[in-house]
Amino acid sequence: MASTTFSGPVTSTNGFIGDVTGSVTGAVYVADFIKMTAIATSALPAAAAANAGQVRLINDNGAGDDEYCLVISTGSAWVTAVGAALS
């Protein structure tokens, strides 16, 4: 697959597919910040094999609280970044 270099910000309206990689000694890195759009738990898609490994930011911590939480799809459930089940 071809490689493309951009000098400015890149915007996607439908996400990105692939690995975030860098060229510094082959390490995987992000040179700046990742900005995620927070959604409510009720807006999460159903966990499925197709979204296994996806990371989302929710703004209600799964319990209706006004707290942010990273969640990851296992392919069969959404779990918090520390591995707890999402309530």
PDB file of N, CA and C in Angstrom:
ATOM      1  N   MET A   1       0.847  -1.171   0.000  1.00  0.00           N
ATOM      2  CA  MET A   1       0.000   0.000   0.000  1.00  0.00           C
ATOM      3  C   MET A   1       0.895   1.237   0.000  1.00  0.00           C
ATOM      4  N   ALA A   2       0.505   2.239  -0.713  1.00  0.00           N
ATOM      5  CA  ALA A   2       1.275   3.471  -0.816  1.00  0.00           C
ATOM      6  C   ALA A   2       1.224   4.256   0.488  1.00  0.00           C
ATOM      7  N   SER A   3       2.222   5.063   0.700  1.00  0.00           N
ATOM      8  CA  SER A   3       2.296   5.925   1.877  1.00  0.00           C
ATOM      9  C   SER A   3       2.094   7.369   1.438  1.00  0.00           C
ATOM     10  N   THR A   4       1.328   8.107   2.213  1.00  0.00           N
ATOM     11  CA  THR A   4       1.064   9.508   1.899  1.00  0.00           C
ATOM     12  C   THR A   4       1.442  10.365   3.094  1.00  0.00           C
ATOM     13  N   THR A   5       2.096  11.488   2.852  1.00  0.00           N
ATOM     14  CA  THR A   5       2.499  12.399   3.919  1.00  0.00           C
ATOM     15  C   THR A   5       1.689  13.675   3.829  1.00  0.00           C
ATOM     16  N   PHE A   6       1.172  14.129   4.958  1.00  0.00           N
ATOM     17  CA  PHE A   6       0.408  15.364   5.033  1.00  0.00           C
ATOM     18  C   PHE A   6       1.140  16.351   5.912  1.00  0.00           C
ATOM     19  N   SER A   7       1.066  17.626   5.569  1.00  0.00           N
ATOM     20  CA  SER A   7       1.733  18.645   6.382  1.00  0.00           C
ATOM     21  C   SER A   7       0.755  19.395   7.280  1.00  0.00           C
ATOM     22  N   GLY A   8      -0.516  19.159   7.125  1.00  0.00           N
ATOM     23  CA  GLY A   8      -1.507  19.867   7.935  1.00  0.00           C
ATOM     24  C   GLY A   8      -2.435  18.890   8.615  1.00  0.00           C
ATOM     25  N   PRO A   9      -3.449  19.394   9.286  1.00  0.00           N
ATOM     26  CA  PRO A   9      -4.388  18.490   9.953  1.00  0.00           C
ATOM     27  C   PRO A   9      -5.203  17.696   8.938  1.00  0.00           C
ATOM     28  N   VAL A  10      -5.587  16.501   9.332  1.00  0.00           N
ATOM     29  CA  VAL A  10      -6.407  15.632   8.495  1.00  0.00           C
ATOM     30  C   VAL A  10      -7.722  15.419   9.216  1.00  0.00           C
ATOM     31  N   THR A  11      -8.832  15.589   8.523  1.00  0.00           N
ATOM     32  CA  THR A  11     -10.149  15.408   9.105  1.00  0.00           C
ATOM     33  C   THR A  11     -10.864  14.279   8.388  1.00  0.00           C
ATOM     34  N   SER A  12     -11.514  13.431   9.159  1.00  0.00           N
ATOM     35  CA  SER A  12     -12.310  12.353   8.587  1.00  0.00           C
ATOM     36  C   SER A  12     -13.705  12.424   9.180  1.00  0.00           C
ATOM     37  N   THR A  13     -14.703  12.258   8.357  1.00  0.00           N
ATOM     38  CA  THR A  13     -16.071  12.246   8.864  1.00  0.00           C
ATOM     39  C   THR A  13     -16.534  10.831   9.182  1.00  0.00           C
ATOM     40  N   ASN A  14     -15.679   9.839   8.902  1.00  0.00           N
ATOM     41  CA  ASN A  14     -16.084   8.454   9.129  1.00  0.00           C
ATOM     42  C   ASN A  14     -14.958   7.606   9.707  1.00  0.00           C
ATOM     43  N   GLY A  15     -14.037   8.222  10.465  1.00  0.00           N
ATOM     44  CA  GLY A  15     -12.976   7.463  11.113  1.00  0.00           C
ATOM     45  C   GLY A  15     -11.828   7.109  10.194  1.00  0.00           C
ATOM     46  N   PHE A  16     -10.829   6.442  10.753  1.00  0.00           N
ATOM     47  CA  PHE A  16      -9.659   5.990  10.017  1.00  0.00           C
ATOM     48  C   PHE A  16      -9.476   4.508  10.272  1.00  0.00           C
ATOM     49  N   ILE A  17      -8.956   3.808   9.305  1.00  0.00           N
ATOM     50  CA  ILE A  17      -8.699   2.388   9.444  1.00  0.00           C
ATOM     51  C   ILE A  17      -7.209   2.166   9.259  1.00  0.00           C
ATOM     52  N   GLY A  18      -6.608   1.404  10.142  1.00  0.00           N
ATOM     53  CA  GLY A  18      -5.190   1.093  10.032  1.00  0.00           C
ATOM     54  C   GLY A  18      -4.471   1.382  11.333  1.00  0.00           C
ATOM     55  N   ASP A  19      -3.187   1.181  11.325  1.00  0.00           N
ATOM     56  CA  ASP A  19      -2.365   1.375  12.510  1.00  0.00           C
ATOM     57  C   ASP A  19      -1.791   2.781  12.547  1.00  0.00           C
ATOM     58  N   VAL A  20      -1.579   3.296  13.752  1.00  0.00           N
ATOM     59  CA  VAL A  20      -0.870   4.554  13.935  1.00  0.00           C
ATOM     60  C   VAL A  20       0.587   4.164  14.138  1.00  0.00           C
ATOM     61  N   THR A  21       1.435   4.495  13.168  1.00  0.00           N
ATOM     62  CA  THR A  21       2.830   4.085  13.252  1.00  0.00           C
ATOM     63  C   THR A  21       3.750   5.259  12.996  1.00  0.00           C
ATOM     64  N   GLY A  22       4.964   5.110  13.402  1.00  0.00           N
ATOM     65  CA  GLY A  22       5.956   6.147  13.184  1.00  0.00           C
ATOM     66  C   GLY A  22       7.239   5.546  12.663  1.00  0.00           C
ATOM     67  N   SER A  23       8.164   6.402  12.325  1.00  0.00           N
ATOM     68  CA  SER A  23       9.402   5.923  11.725  1.00  0.00           C
ATOM     69  C   SER A  23      10.591   6.026  12.672  1.00  0.00           C
ATOM     70  N   VAL A  24      10.372   6.482  13.885  1.00  0.00           N
ATOM     71  CA  VAL A  24      11.478   6.605  14.830  1.00  0.00           C
ATOM     72  C   VAL A  24      11.757   5.232  15.423  1.00  0.00           C
ATOM     73  N   THR A  25      12.809   4.604  15.017  1.00  0.00           N
ATOM     74  CA  THR A  25      13.221   3.256  15.437  1.00  0.00           C
ATOM     75  C   THR A  25      12.078   2.255  15.386  1.00  0.00           C
ATOM     76  N   GLY A  26      11.152   2.431  14.470  1.00  0.00           N
ATOM     77  CA  GLY A  26      10.062   1.488  14.295  1.00  0.00           C
ATOM     78  C   GLY A  26       9.012   1.510  15.387  1.00  0.00           C
ATOM     79  N   ALA A  27       9.091   2.467  16.305  1.00  0.00           N
ATOM     80  CA  ALA A  27       8.142   2.529  17.415  1.00  0.00           C
ATOM     81  C   ALA A  27       6.791   3.044  16.948  1.00  0.00           C
ATOM     82  N   VAL A  28       5.748   2.601  17.620  1.00  0.00           N
ATOM     83  CA  VAL A  28       4.414   3.126  17.364  1.00  0.00           C
ATOM     84  C   VAL A  28       4.251   4.345  18.255  1.00  0.00           C
ATOM     85  N   TYR A  29       3.850   5.462  17.669  1.00  0.00           N
ATOM     86  CA  TYR A  29       3.725   6.677  18.461  1.00  0.00           C
ATOM     87  C   TYR A  29       2.729   7.625  17.833  1.00  0.00           C
ATOM     88  N   VAL A  30       2.282   8.550  18.629  1.00  0.00           N
ATOM     89  CA  VAL A  30       1.472   9.667  18.157  1.00  0.00           C
ATOM     90  C   VAL A  30       2.256  10.911  18.535  1.00  0.00           C
ATOM     91  N   ALA A  31       2.589  11.730  17.559  1.00  0.00           N
ATOM     92  CA  ALA A  31       3.469  12.868  17.790  1.00  0.00           C
ATOM     93  C   ALA A  31       2.790  14.026  18.508  1.00  0.00           C
ATOM     94  N   ASP A  32       1.464  14.051  18.525  1.00  0.00           N
ATOM     95  CA  ASP A  32       0.757  15.160  19.141  1.00  0.00           C
ATOM     96  C   ASP A  32      -0.389  14.575  19.960  1.00  0.00           C
ATOM     97  N   PHE A  33      -1.544  15.139  19.868  1.00  0.00           N
ATOM     98  CA  PHE A  33      -2.690  14.691  20.641  1.00  0.00           C
ATOM     99  C   PHE A  33      -3.714  14.011  19.749  1.00  0.00           C
ATOM    100  N   ILE A  34      -4.471  13.117  20.342  1.00  0.00           N
ATOM    101  CA  ILE A  34      -5.610  12.521  19.664  1.00  0.00           C
ATOM    102  C   ILE A  34      -6.847  13.166  20.257  1.00  0.00           C
ATOM    103  N   LYS A  35      -7.679  13.729  19.418  1.00  0.00           N
ATOM    104  CA  LYS A  35      -8.917  14.357  19.887  1.00  0.00           C
ATOM    105  C   LYS A  35     -10.071  13.454  19.515  1.00  0.00           C
ATOM    106  N   MET A  36     -10.845  13.064  20.512  1.00  0.00           N
ATOM    107  CA  MET A  36     -11.975  12.176  20.291  1.00  0.00           C
ATOM    108  C   MET A  36     -13.259  12.925  20.608  1.00  0.00           C
ATOM    109  N   THR A  37     -14.305  12.617  19.880  1.00  0.00           N
ATOM    110  CA  THR A  37     -15.616  13.192  20.156  1.00  0.00           C
ATOM    111  C   THR A  37     -16.322  12.296  21.166  1.00  0.00           C
ATOM    112  N   ALA A  38     -16.738  12.859  22.284  1.00  0.00           N
ATOM    113  CA  ALA A  38     -17.412  12.093  23.322  1.00  0.00           C
ATOM    114  C   ALA A  38     -18.867  11.855  22.935  1.00  0.00           C
ATOM    115  N   ILE A  39     -19.357  10.643  23.231  1.00  0.00           N
ATOM    116  CA  ILE A  39     -20.750  10.293  22.985  1.00  0.00           C
ATOM    117  C   ILE A  39     -21.325   9.662  24.245  1.00  0.00           C
ATOM    118  N   ALA A  40     -22.634   9.595  24.326  1.00  0.00           N
ATOM    119  CA  ALA A  40     -23.288   8.916  25.442  1.00  0.00           C
ATOM    120  C   ALA A  40     -23.205   7.409  25.241  1.00  0.00           C
ATOM    121  N   THR A  41     -23.234   6.677  26.332  1.00  0.00           N
ATOM    122  CA  THR A  41     -23.209   5.217  26.258  1.00  0.00           C
ATOM    123  C   THR A  41     -24.319   4.700  25.347  1.00  0.00           C
ATOM    124  N   SER A  42     -25.471   5.322  25.408  1.00  0.00           N
ATOM    125  CA  SER A  42     -26.599   4.878  24.585  1.00  0.00           C
ATOM    126  C   SER A  42     -26.328   5.027  23.092  1.00  0.00           C
ATOM    127  N   ALA A  43     -25.337   5.836  22.708  1.00  0.00           N
ATOM    128  CA  ALA A  43     -25.004   6.042  21.298  1.00  0.00           C
ATOM    129  C   ALA A  43     -23.940   5.068  20.789  1.00  0.00           C
ATOM    130  N   LEU A  44     -23.388   4.221  21.687  1.00  0.00           N
ATOM    131  CA  LEU A  44     -22.401   3.236  21.251  1.00  0.00           C
ATOM    132  C   LEU A  44     -23.067   2.219  20.329  1.00  0.00           C
ATOM    133  N   PRO A  45     -22.375   1.818  19.274  1.00  0.00           N
ATOM    134  CA  PRO A  45     -22.930   0.737  18.459  1.00  0.00           C
ATOM    135  C   PRO A  45     -22.857  -0.567  19.251  1.00  0.00           C
ATOM    136  N   ALA A  46     -23.637  -1.545  18.885  1.00  0.00           N
ATOM    137  CA  ALA A  46     -23.555  -2.845  19.544  1.00  0.00           C
ATOM    138  C   ALA A  46     -22.150  -3.405  19.351  1.00  0.00           C
ATOM    139  N   ALA A  47     -21.597  -3.989  20.401  1.00  0.00           N
ATOM    140  CA  ALA A  47     -20.286  -4.617  20.281  1.00  0.00           C
ATOM    141  C   ALA A  47     -20.407  -5.800  19.325  1.00  0.00           C
ATOM    142  N   ALA A  48     -19.482  -5.887  18.384  1.00  0.00           N
ATOM    143  CA  ALA A  48     -19.522  -6.946  17.377  1.00  0.00           C
ATOM    144  C   ALA A  48     -18.106  -7.193  16.872  1.00  0.00           C
ATOM    145  N   ALA A  49     -17.913  -8.317  16.221  1.00  0.00           N
ATOM    146  CA  ALA A  49     -16.589  -8.651  15.691  1.00  0.00           C
ATOM    147  C   ALA A  49     -16.057  -7.543  14.791  1.00  0.00           C
ATOM    148  N   ALA A  50     -16.937  -6.880  14.068  1.00  0.00           N
ATOM    149  CA  ALA A  50     -16.522  -5.832  13.137  1.00  0.00           C
ATOM    150  C   ALA A  50     -15.921  -4.619  13.843  1.00  0.00           C
ATOM    151  N   ASN A  51     -16.280  -4.377  15.115  1.00  0.00           N
ATOM    152  CA  ASN A  51     -15.701  -3.225  15.807  1.00  0.00           C
ATOM    153  C   ASN A  51     -14.786  -3.632  16.960  1.00  0.00           C
ATOM    154  N   ALA A  52     -14.386  -4.885  17.007  1.00  0.00           N
ATOM    155  CA  ALA A  52     -13.444  -5.336  18.037  1.00  0.00           C
ATOM    156  C   ALA A  52     -12.170  -4.499  17.969  1.00  0.00           C
ATOM    157  N   GLY A  53     -11.737  -4.000  19.105  1.00  0.00           N
ATOM    158  CA  GLY A  53     -10.532  -3.175  19.173  1.00  0.00           C
ATOM    159  C   GLY A  53     -10.783  -1.693  19.035  1.00  0.00           C
ATOM    160  N   GLN A  54     -11.983  -1.287  18.656  1.00  0.00           N
ATOM    161  CA  GLN A  54     -12.280   0.140  18.565  1.00  0.00           C
ATOM    162  C   GLN A  54     -12.272   0.765  19.958  1.00  0.00           C
ATOM    163  N   VAL A  55     -11.786   1.983  20.028  1.00  0.00           N
ATOM    164  CA  VAL A  55     -11.776   2.747  21.268  1.00  0.00           C
ATOM    165  C   VAL A  55     -12.710   3.926  21.083  1.00  0.00           C
ATOM    166  N   ARG A  56     -13.583   4.154  22.044  1.00  0.00           N
ATOM    167  CA  ARG A  56     -14.527   5.275  22.007  1.00  0.00           C
ATOM    168  C   ARG A  56     -14.425   6.034  23.315  1.00  0.00           C
ATOM    169  N   LEU A  57     -14.834   7.287  23.274  1.00  0.00           N
ATOM    170  CA  LEU A  57     -14.888   8.128  24.470  1.00  0.00           C
ATOM    171  C   LEU A  57     -16.348   8.374  24.788  1.00  0.00           C
ATOM    172  N   ILE A  58     -16.772   7.975  25.988  1.00  0.00           N
ATOM    173  CA  ILE A  58     -18.147   8.236  26.391  1.00  0.00           C
ATOM    174  C   ILE A  58     -18.148   9.331  27.444  1.00  0.00           C
ATOM    175  N   ASN A  59     -19.256  10.077  27.526  1.00  0.00           N
ATOM    176  CA  ASN A  59     -19.301  11.221  28.441  1.00  0.00           C
ATOM    177  C   ASN A  59     -20.212  11.011  29.636  1.00  0.00           C
ATOM    178  N   ASP A  60     -20.682   9.778  29.831  1.00  0.00           N
ATOM    179  CA  ASP A  60     -21.547   9.536  30.987  1.00  0.00           C
ATOM    180  C   ASP A  60     -21.070   8.357  31.830  1.00  0.00           C
ATOM    181  N   ASN A  61     -19.869   7.884  31.574  1.00  0.00           N
ATOM    182  CA  ASN A  61     -19.228   6.822  32.338  1.00  0.00           C
ATOM    183  C   ASN A  61     -20.071   5.561  32.439  1.00  0.00           C
ATOM    184  N   GLY A  62     -21.000   5.385  31.517  1.00  0.00           N
ATOM    185  CA  GLY A  62     -21.797   4.177  31.488  1.00  0.00           C
ATOM    186  C   GLY A  62     -22.897   4.111  32.514  1.00  0.00           C
ATOM    187  N   ALA A  63     -22.935   5.072  33.420  1.00  0.00           N
ATOM    188  CA  ALA A  63     -23.927   5.026  34.499  1.00  0.00           C
ATOM    189  C   ALA A  63     -24.731   6.317  34.570  1.00  0.00           C
ATOM    190  N   GLY A  64     -24.683   7.125  33.527  1.00  0.00           N
ATOM    191  CA  GLY A  64     -25.422   8.380  33.530  1.00  0.00           C
ATOM    192  C   GLY A  64     -24.701   9.507  34.245  1.00  0.00           C
ATOM    193  N   ASP A  65     -23.506   9.228  34.757  1.00  0.00           N
ATOM    194  CA  ASP A  65     -22.727  10.264  35.437  1.00  0.00           C
ATOM    195  C   ASP A  65     -22.158  11.222  34.392  1.00  0.00           C
ATOM    196  N   ASP A  66     -21.818  12.410  34.825  1.00  0.00           N
ATOM    197  CA  ASP A  66     -21.218  13.397  33.933  1.00  0.00           C
ATOM    198  C   ASP A  66     -19.703  13.238  33.991  1.00  0.00           C
ATOM    199  N   GLU A  67     -19.218  12.049  33.619  1.00  0.00           N
ATOM    200  CA  GLU A  67     -17.791  11.752  33.660  1.00  0.00           C
ATOM    201  C   GLU A  67     -17.385  11.105  32.348  1.00  0.00           C
ATOM    202  N   TYR A  68     -16.160  11.350  31.934  1.00  0.00           N
ATOM    203  CA  TYR A  68     -15.638  10.786  30.699  1.00  0.00           C
ATOM    204  C   TYR A  68     -14.947   9.458  30.979  1.00  0.00           C
ATOM    205  N   CYS A  69     -15.015   8.556  30.002  1.00  0.00           N
ATOM    206  CA  CYS A  69     -14.420   7.240  30.159  1.00  0.00           C
ATOM    207  C   CYS A  69     -14.063   6.690  28.781  1.00  0.00           C
ATOM    208  N   LEU A  70     -12.878   6.104  28.652  1.00  0.00           N
ATOM    209  CA  LEU A  70     -12.522   5.400  27.425  1.00  0.00           C
ATOM    210  C   LEU A  70     -13.073   3.982  27.506  1.00  0.00           C
ATOM    211  N   VAL A  71     -13.693   3.519  26.426  1.00  0.00           N
ATOM    212  CA  VAL A  71     -14.195   2.153  26.361  1.00  0.00           C
ATOM    213  C   VAL A  71     -13.657   1.473  25.109  1.00  0.00           C
ATOM    214  N   ILE A  72     -13.513   0.175  25.186  1.00  0.00           N
ATOM    215  CA  ILE A  72     -12.940  -0.614  24.104  1.00  0.00           C
ATOM    216  C   ILE A  72     -13.883  -1.764  23.799  1.00  0.00           C
ATOM    217  N   SER A  73     -14.109  -2.017  22.519  1.00  0.00           N
ATOM    218  CA  SER A  73     -14.940  -3.152  22.127  1.00  0.00           C
ATOM    219  C   SER A  73     -14.091  -4.413  22.114  1.00  0.00           C
ATOM    220  N   THR A  74     -14.564  -5.453  22.803  1.00  0.00           N
ATOM    221  CA  THR A  74     -13.892  -6.760  22.773  1.00  0.00           C
ATOM    222  C   THR A  74     -14.421  -7.604  21.624  1.00  0.00           C
ATOM    223  N   GLY A  75     -15.436  -7.097  20.949  1.00  0.00           N
ATOM    224  CA  GLY A  75     -16.101  -7.855  19.906  1.00  0.00           C
ATOM    225  C   GLY A  75     -17.398  -8.463  20.405  1.00  0.00           C
ATOM    226  N   SER A  76     -17.512  -8.553  21.729  1.00  0.00           N
ATOM    227  CA  SER A  76     -18.753  -9.080  22.308  1.00  0.00           C
ATOM    228  C   SER A  76     -19.299  -8.184  23.411  1.00  0.00           C
ATOM    229  N   ALA A  77     -18.507  -7.196  23.848  1.00  0.00           N
ATOM    230  CA  ALA A  77     -18.941  -6.262  24.896  1.00  0.00           C
ATOM    231  C   ALA A  77     -18.067  -5.022  24.834  1.00  0.00           C
ATOM    232  N   TRP A  78     -18.578  -3.927  25.383  1.00  0.00           N
ATOM    233  CA  TRP A  78     -17.772  -2.719  25.567  1.00  0.00           C
ATOM    234  C   TRP A  78     -17.254  -2.758  26.996  1.00  0.00           C
ATOM    235  N   VAL A  79     -15.952  -2.576  27.182  1.00  0.00           N
ATOM    236  CA  VAL A  79     -15.353  -2.558  28.517  1.00  0.00           C
ATOM    237  C   VAL A  79     -14.585  -1.266  28.693  1.00  0.00           C
ATOM    238  N   THR A  80     -14.416  -0.855  29.945  1.00  0.00           N
ATOM    239  CA  THR A  80     -13.638   0.348  30.206  1.00  0.00           C
ATOM    240  C   THR A  80     -12.171   0.068  29.902  1.00  0.00           C
ATOM    241  N   ALA A  81     -11.383   1.110  29.803  1.00  0.00           N
ATOM    242  CA  ALA A  81      -9.967   0.960  29.473  1.00  0.00           C
ATOM    243  C   ALA A  81      -9.206   0.161  30.527  1.00  0.00           C
ATOM    244  N   VAL A  82      -9.767  -0.001  31.717  1.00  0.00           N
ATOM    245  CA  VAL A  82      -9.124  -0.814  32.747  1.00  0.00           C
ATOM    246  C   VAL A  82      -9.709  -2.234  32.782  1.00  0.00           C
ATOM    247  N   GLY A  83     -10.623  -2.546  31.853  1.00  0.00           N
ATOM    248  CA  GLY A  83     -11.155  -3.885  31.713  1.00  0.00           C
ATOM    249  C   GLY A  83     -12.445  -4.175  32.443  1.00  0.00           C
ATOM    250  N   ALA A  84     -13.007  -3.185  33.132  1.00  0.00           N
ATOM    251  CA  ALA A  84     -14.273  -3.409  33.836  1.00  0.00           C
ATOM    252  C   ALA A  84     -15.420  -3.412  32.847  1.00  0.00           C
ATOM    253  N   ALA A  85     -16.445  -4.186  33.158  1.00  0.00           N
ATOM    254  CA  ALA A  85     -17.631  -4.223  32.297  1.00  0.00           C
ATOM    255  C   ALA A  85     -18.336  -2.881  32.325  1.00  0.00           C
ATOM    256  N   LEU A  86     -18.831  -2.450  31.198  1.00  0.00           N
ATOM    257  CA  LEU A  86     -19.570  -1.201  31.100  1.00  0.00           C
ATOM    258  C   LEU A  86     -20.997  -1.435  31.590  1.00  0.00           C
ATOM    259  N   SER A  87     -21.430  -0.626  32.558  1.00  0.00           N
ATOM    260  CA  SER A  87     -22.767  -0.836  33.118  1.00  0.00           C
ATOM    261  C   SER A  87     -23.816  -0.089  32.324  1.00  0.00           C
TER     262      SER A  87
END
